[in-house]
């Protein structure tokens, strides 16, 4: 299912002097008839979707459906076997300097001494080289000041000022995740790719991180693609979902996609979606329902 543009655009017959919403920015992501394979095996095929700037989109599906594969395609790490893809107006991989990427949950030992602020600072150039690059002497003063300002701005954006100078190993899972998101934001990206950022967090922290991501979408006009293991903690914050399963995909509003009729068509098997008394969605049927996974693995 192809999702249309969410932002109004001026048509050719609207006079320039009239009040009209103009958005000349490219789509964040466009896939058209896309297919991806790993080791000669097709992961998904005939996927067409469009994601706009400022949208909060969850990527859902059972283990092995190709959720992380989709992120690799967007980053240009895995070429399509057919179809086409555009990312921020160019080829996948060409705009990676404008994409903030948070891979699957990292584990910090309690003895880890690096401060949160230093972890965020690595997002400027350490993610590529393992440590911040030295600044040429003639630019040291202005370069350091600019880096400090960017780090402070990112930490402020995620609300981590009160603990950013503490060792990362002594922080809670939710606090660590906020600082990792700040690291992904420190370059002022136009898109965030978050691979299961809620994994291992308690329900309260999951909701807080989801609310933070939604606020970043709205205030910064950053497109966010978040791979989720369980959609329930973030359901109320999403604009749309991309549901990958059975070698295909469906994209649309959560209530459209997470329904018995839509999932039954996707799986080509009877699927029922139930809502519990506390508002949580439960998917019943075969194959494996996406919200009751066992041990997860990369896909």
Protein backbone atom coordinates (compact mmCIF):
# COMPACT_ATOMS: atom_id res chain seq x y z
CA UNK A 1 0.00 0.00 0.00
CA UNK A 2 1.50 3.32 -1.00
CA UNK A 3 0.97 6.15 1.47
CA UNK A 4 0.46 9.57 -0.06
CA UNK A 5 2.15 12.78 0.94
CA UNK A 6 0.96 14.23 4.23
CA UNK A 7 2.00 17.81 3.58
CA UNK A 8 0.12 20.14 1.25
CA UNK A 9 1.90 21.30 -1.88
CA UNK A 10 1.19 24.16 -4.26
CA UNK A 11 -0.28 22.92 -7.51
CA UNK A 12 0.68 24.40 -10.86
CA UNK A 13 -2.54 26.41 -11.14
CA UNK A 14 -2.34 28.17 -7.76
CA UNK A 15 -1.17 31.79 -8.12
CA UNK A 16 2.06 32.51 -6.26
CA UNK A 17 0.50 35.42 -4.37
CA UNK A 18 -2.21 33.34 -2.73
CA UNK A 19 -1.78 31.80 0.67
CA UNK A 20 -0.69 28.25 -0.01
CA UNK A 21 1.48 25.74 1.80
CA UNK A 22 4.70 25.10 -0.07
CA UNK A 23 6.95 22.13 0.66
CA UNK A 24 9.81 21.70 -1.76
CA UNK A 25 11.63 19.17 0.41
CA UNK A 26 12.05 15.65 -0.92
CA UNK A 27 10.34 12.67 0.62
CA UNK A 28 12.32 11.15 3.48
CA UNK A 29 12.06 7.67 1.96
CA UNK A 30 10.46 6.32 -1.19
CA UNK A 31 10.41 2.67 -2.23
CA UNK A 32 8.81 1.61 -5.50
CA UNK A 33 8.36 -2.09 -6.23
CA UNK A 34 11.39 -2.80 -4.05
CA UNK A 35 12.76 -6.26 -3.28
CA UNK A 36 15.62 -7.26 -0.97
CA UNK A 37 17.48 -10.54 -0.69
CA UNK A 38 20.11 -11.92 1.66
CA UNK A 39 22.25 -14.89 0.68
CA UNK A 40 20.11 -15.49 -2.37
CA UNK A 41 16.89 -15.72 -0.35
CA UNK A 42 14.19 -13.09 -0.88
CA UNK A 43 13.38 -11.25 2.36
CA UNK A 44 10.59 -9.08 0.93
CA UNK A 45 9.43 -8.02 -2.52
CA UNK A 46 7.14 -5.54 -4.29
CA UNK A 47 7.30 -3.04 -1.41
CA UNK A 48 6.11 0.48 -2.26
CA UNK A 49 5.87 3.23 0.35
CA UNK A 50 6.55 6.91 0.93
CA UNK A 51 7.59 8.47 4.25
CA UNK A 52 7.47 12.23 4.69
CA UNK A 53 9.60 14.65 6.78
CA UNK A 54 8.27 14.91 10.33
CA UNK A 55 6.51 11.53 10.33
CA UNK A 56 6.82 9.03 13.18
CA UNK A 57 6.62 5.58 11.59
CA UNK A 58 6.99 2.20 13.30
CA UNK A 59 8.38 -0.80 11.43
CA UNK A 60 6.62 -3.93 12.68
CA UNK A 61 6.55 -7.62 11.90
CA UNK A 62 7.58 -11.03 13.18
CA UNK A 63 11.17 -12.17 13.61
CA UNK A 64 12.92 -12.61 10.27
CA UNK A 65 10.42 -10.49 8.32
CA UNK A 66 13.10 -7.99 7.25
CA UNK A 67 12.69 -5.01 9.57
CA UNK A 68 16.42 -4.42 10.08
CA UNK A 69 16.93 -5.28 6.41
CA UNK A 70 14.78 -2.28 5.53
CA UNK A 71 17.07 -0.02 7.57
CA UNK A 72 20.12 -1.46 5.80
CA UNK A 73 18.53 -0.71 2.43
CA UNK A 74 17.82 2.88 3.48
CA UNK A 75 21.42 3.31 4.65
CA UNK A 76 22.75 1.92 1.36
CA UNK A 77 24.32 -1.08 3.10
CA UNK A 78 22.25 -3.57 1.13
CA UNK A 79 21.37 -3.01 -2.54
CA UNK A 80 17.89 -3.80 -3.80
CA UNK A 81 17.50 -6.81 -6.06
CA UNK A 82 14.72 -5.05 -7.96
CA UNK A 83 12.67 -1.87 -7.81
CA UNK A 84 13.96 1.54 -6.74
CA UNK A 85 14.65 3.51 -3.58
CA UNK A 86 15.19 7.19 -2.82
CA UNK A 87 16.37 8.56 0.53
CA UNK A 88 16.20 12.30 1.24
CA UNK A 89 16.06 12.94 -2.49
CA UNK A 90 19.03 10.81 -3.51
CA UNK A 91 20.34 7.27 -3.71
CA UNK A 92 20.46 5.20 -0.51
CA UNK A 93 23.75 5.90 1.28
CA UNK A 94 24.34 9.27 -0.37
CA UNK A 95 22.73 11.22 2.47
CA UNK A 96 23.95 9.21 5.46
CA UNK A 97 25.51 12.35 6.95
CA UNK A 98 21.94 13.60 7.40
CA UNK A 99 20.69 10.39 9.02
CA UNK A 100 20.98 9.59 12.71
CA UNK A 101 21.20 5.83 13.27
CA UNK A 102 20.75 3.99 16.56
CA UNK A 103 21.47 0.26 16.14
CA UNK A 104 19.92 -2.46 18.26
CA UNK A 105 20.28 -1.97 21.97
CA UNK A 106 23.84 -1.66 23.23
CA UNK A 107 24.71 -2.95 26.67
CA UNK A 108 26.73 -0.77 29.06
CA UNK A 109 28.44 -2.51 31.93
CA UNK A 110 27.91 -0.86 35.32
CA UNK A 111 31.65 -0.16 35.46
CA UNK A 112 31.65 1.85 32.20
CA UNK A 113 33.17 5.20 33.12
CA UNK A 114 32.61 7.23 29.95
CA UNK A 115 30.32 10.16 30.71
CA UNK A 116 27.04 10.65 28.94
CA UNK A 117 28.24 13.94 27.46
CA UNK A 118 31.29 12.20 25.97
CA UNK A 119 29.08 9.48 24.49
CA UNK A 120 26.99 12.15 22.77
CA UNK A 121 30.16 13.90 21.54
CA UNK A 122 31.20 10.70 19.75
CA UNK A 123 28.16 11.16 17.53
CA UNK A 124 29.89 14.04 15.73
CA UNK A 125 32.71 11.92 14.34
CA UNK A 126 33.56 9.10 16.74
CA UNK A 127 30.89 6.79 15.35
CA UNK A 128 32.99 6.55 12.20
CA UNK A 129 36.49 6.55 13.67
CA UNK A 130 36.10 5.26 17.24
CA UNK A 131 37.16 8.57 18.81
CA UNK A 132 36.67 12.28 18.06
CA UNK A 133 38.90 13.49 15.25
CA UNK A 134 41.57 16.06 16.12
CA UNK A 135 40.66 19.58 15.05
CA UNK A 136 43.24 21.54 12.99
CA UNK A 137 44.98 24.09 15.21
CA UNK A 138 43.68 27.13 13.33
CA UNK A 139 40.12 25.86 13.89
CA UNK A 140 40.56 24.43 17.38
CA UNK A 141 38.87 27.23 19.29
CA UNK A 142 35.87 27.66 16.99
CA UNK A 143 35.67 23.91 16.27
CA UNK A 144 35.57 22.99 19.94
CA UNK A 145 33.05 25.68 20.70
CA UNK A 146 30.80 24.52 17.86
CA UNK A 147 31.07 20.88 18.97
CA UNK A 148 30.26 21.82 22.56
CA UNK A 149 27.23 23.80 21.45
CA UNK A 150 25.94 20.94 19.31
CA UNK A 151 26.38 18.42 22.12
CA UNK A 152 24.66 20.71 24.62
CA UNK A 153 21.78 21.31 22.21
CA UNK A 154 21.26 17.57 21.62
CA UNK A 155 21.37 16.79 25.34
CA UNK A 156 18.90 19.59 26.02
CA UNK A 157 16.60 18.30 23.28
CA UNK A 158 16.27 14.88 24.96
CA UNK A 159 16.03 16.35 28.47
CA UNK A 160 19.20 14.72 29.81
CA UNK A 161 20.97 17.76 31.26
CA UNK A 162 20.72 16.61 34.88
CA UNK A 163 22.69 13.39 34.37
CA UNK A 164 24.75 13.92 31.21
CA UNK A 165 28.01 14.34 33.17
CA UNK A 166 27.59 11.09 35.10
CA UNK A 167 29.22 7.79 34.01
CA UNK A 168 26.97 6.04 31.50
CA UNK A 169 27.23 2.74 33.41
CA UNK A 170 25.53 4.27 36.44
CA UNK A 171 22.46 5.49 34.57
CA UNK A 172 19.14 3.73 34.17
CA UNK A 173 18.18 2.09 30.89
CA UNK A 174 15.86 4.95 30.02
CA UNK A 175 18.53 7.57 30.76
CA UNK A 176 21.07 5.69 28.65
CA UNK A 177 18.62 5.48 25.78
CA UNK A 178 17.95 9.23 25.87
CA UNK A 179 21.68 9.89 25.61
CA UNK A 180 22.01 7.44 22.73
CA UNK A 181 19.20 9.27 20.94
CA UNK A 182 21.05 12.53 21.65
CA UNK A 183 24.13 10.98 20.05
CA UNK A 184 22.06 10.23 16.93
CA UNK A 185 20.73 13.81 16.94
CA UNK A 186 23.99 15.67 17.46
CA UNK A 187 24.57 16.18 13.71
CA UNK A 188 21.11 17.74 13.24
CA UNK A 189 19.88 14.90 11.02
CA UNK A 190 16.79 15.02 8.82
CA UNK A 191 15.93 11.40 9.60
CA UNK A 192 16.36 9.03 12.53
CA UNK A 193 16.57 5.26 12.18
CA UNK A 194 16.03 3.59 15.55
CA UNK A 195 16.41 -0.20 15.68
CA UNK A 196 14.41 -1.52 18.65
CA UNK A 197 15.31 1.36 21.00
CA UNK A 198 12.67 0.24 23.53
CA UNK A 199 14.07 -3.25 24.00
CA UNK A 200 14.82 -4.10 27.65
CA UNK A 201 13.21 -0.88 28.94
CA UNK A 202 10.37 -0.97 31.45
CA UNK A 203 6.91 0.21 30.36
CA UNK A 204 7.32 3.66 31.92
CA UNK A 205 10.62 4.25 30.13
CA UNK A 206 9.19 2.94 26.85
CA UNK A 207 6.38 5.48 27.00
CA UNK A 208 8.77 8.29 27.91
CA UNK A 209 11.11 7.49 25.01
CA UNK A 210 8.16 7.24 22.59
CA UNK A 211 6.87 10.64 23.73
CA UNK A 212 10.37 12.10 23.31
CA UNK A 213 10.65 10.74 19.75
CA UNK A 214 7.23 12.13 18.84
CA UNK A 215 8.23 15.56 20.15
CA UNK A 216 11.42 15.50 18.09
CA UNK A 217 9.35 14.66 15.01
CA UNK A 218 7.03 17.59 15.57
CA UNK A 219 9.54 20.23 16.68
CA UNK A 220 12.47 19.33 14.44
CA UNK A 221 10.54 18.00 11.41
CA UNK A 222 12.69 14.88 11.55
CA UNK A 223 11.33 11.70 9.98
CA UNK A 224 11.67 8.77 12.39
CA UNK A 225 11.58 5.09 11.48
CA UNK A 226 11.49 3.00 14.64
CA UNK A 227 11.75 -0.78 14.57
CA UNK A 228 9.51 -2.06 17.35
CA UNK A 229 9.26 -5.43 19.03
CA UNK A 230 5.91 -4.49 20.58
CA UNK A 231 3.76 -1.72 19.13
CA UNK A 232 1.59 -1.24 22.21
CA UNK A 233 3.83 1.18 24.17
CA UNK A 234 4.11 3.51 21.17
CA UNK A 235 0.71 3.05 19.52
CA UNK A 236 -0.68 6.42 20.62
CA UNK A 237 2.33 8.34 19.31
CA UNK A 238 2.57 6.99 15.76
CA UNK A 239 1.54 8.57 12.48
CA UNK A 240 1.79 5.37 10.48
CA UNK A 241 3.19 1.85 10.56
CA UNK A 242 4.99 -0.33 8.04
CA UNK A 243 4.12 -3.97 8.68
CA UNK A 244 6.47 -6.53 7.11
CA UNK A 245 5.41 -10.18 6.93
CA UNK A 246 5.14 -13.13 4.55
CA UNK A 247 7.58 -11.49 2.12
CA UNK A 248 5.46 -8.36 1.67
CA UNK A 249 4.51 -5.14 3.41
CA UNK A 250 1.54 -2.96 4.25
CA UNK A 251 1.85 0.75 5.10
CA UNK A 252 -0.81 2.99 6.60
CA UNK A 253 -2.34 4.37 9.77
CA UNK A 254 -2.09 2.00 12.75
CA UNK A 255 -5.83 1.35 12.87
CA UNK A 256 -5.83 0.49 9.15
CA UNK A 257 -2.87 -1.86 9.21
CA UNK A 258 -3.21 -3.56 12.59
CA UNK A 259 -6.58 -5.10 11.83
CA UNK A 260 -7.74 -8.63 11.29
CA UNK A 261 -8.74 -7.98 7.69
CA UNK A 262 -5.43 -6.35 6.66
CA UNK A 263 -3.17 -8.85 8.42
CA UNK A 264 -5.19 -11.80 7.13
CA UNK A 265 -4.62 -10.55 3.58
CA UNK A 266 -0.90 -10.03 4.24
CA UNK A 267 -0.35 -13.45 5.82
CA UNK A 268 -2.92 -15.18 3.62
CA UNK A 269 -4.13 -16.84 6.81
CA UNK A 270 -6.86 -16.12 9.38
CA UNK A 271 -5.65 -13.42 11.80
CA UNK A 272 -7.70 -11.77 14.52
CA UNK A 273 -6.78 -8.56 16.33
CA UNK A 274 -8.21 -8.20 19.82
CA UNK A 275 -8.12 -5.23 22.19
CA UNK A 276 -7.69 -6.07 25.86
CA UNK A 277 -9.40 -4.24 28.72
CA UNK A 278 -6.32 -2.06 29.23
CA UNK A 279 -6.27 -1.04 25.54
CA UNK A 280 -3.43 -3.30 24.42
CA UNK A 281 -3.64 -5.01 21.05
CA UNK A 282 -3.29 -8.78 20.87
CA UNK A 283 -2.87 -10.54 17.53
CA UNK A 284 -4.24 -14.08 17.42
CA UNK A 285 -3.54 -16.60 14.68
CA UNK A 286 -0.78 -18.23 12.71
CA UNK A 287 1.94 -17.55 11.86
CA UNK A 288 3.55 -16.03 14.94
CA UNK A 289 1.83 -12.89 16.21
CA UNK A 290 4.20 -9.90 16.23
CA UNK A 291 3.62 -8.83 19.83
CA UNK A 292 4.41 -12.10 21.57
CA UNK A 293 7.85 -12.97 20.26
CA UNK A 294 10.27 -15.19 22.02
CA UNK A 295 13.97 -14.46 21.82
CA UNK A 296 14.46 -11.94 19.01
CA UNK A 297 17.21 -12.03 16.44
CA UNK A 298 18.50 -9.79 13.69
CA UNK A 299 16.49 -9.76 10.50
